[in-house]
Amino acid sequence: MDRLARRYHADGGRWLAHSLAAVAAEHGADITRLLGVQVTIPTIPFPRVTFPEAHSIVREAGLSLPKGDDLGPEAERALSAYFTAKYGHEFVFVTDYPAGDSTICVMMIAQT
């Protein structure tokens, strides 16, 4: 795991919780009025699940997801629903993605 990824996971979601708290403080009333939803500020740390465990959860939710396939939007919604129902937390870190199988784009920064 590279340095940026280690820092991201070690943070436990503080960056997102802080960002959502700032959005809620500044624009929460407008978001609720215009969109009919409230900004939820997540607790930290976020739960974690490995990529193979995430696949199992998604399949148990009734979605057809071939082994090794990346998690698409439908699978991500199923994971969020599972963790919300089981732990009261709609955010989750998925770890241990197989190298080369993820659609996540990563740009390496050359060190000078």
Foldseek 3Di string as FASTA:
>chain_A
DDPVVVVVVVCQCPVVLVVLVVCCVVCQVVCCVPVVDGRDRFDGRAAEEEPVRLVVQLVVVVDDDPPLAEQDPVSLQSVQVVCCVPPVGSDYHYDDRPPPRYPDDDDDDDDD
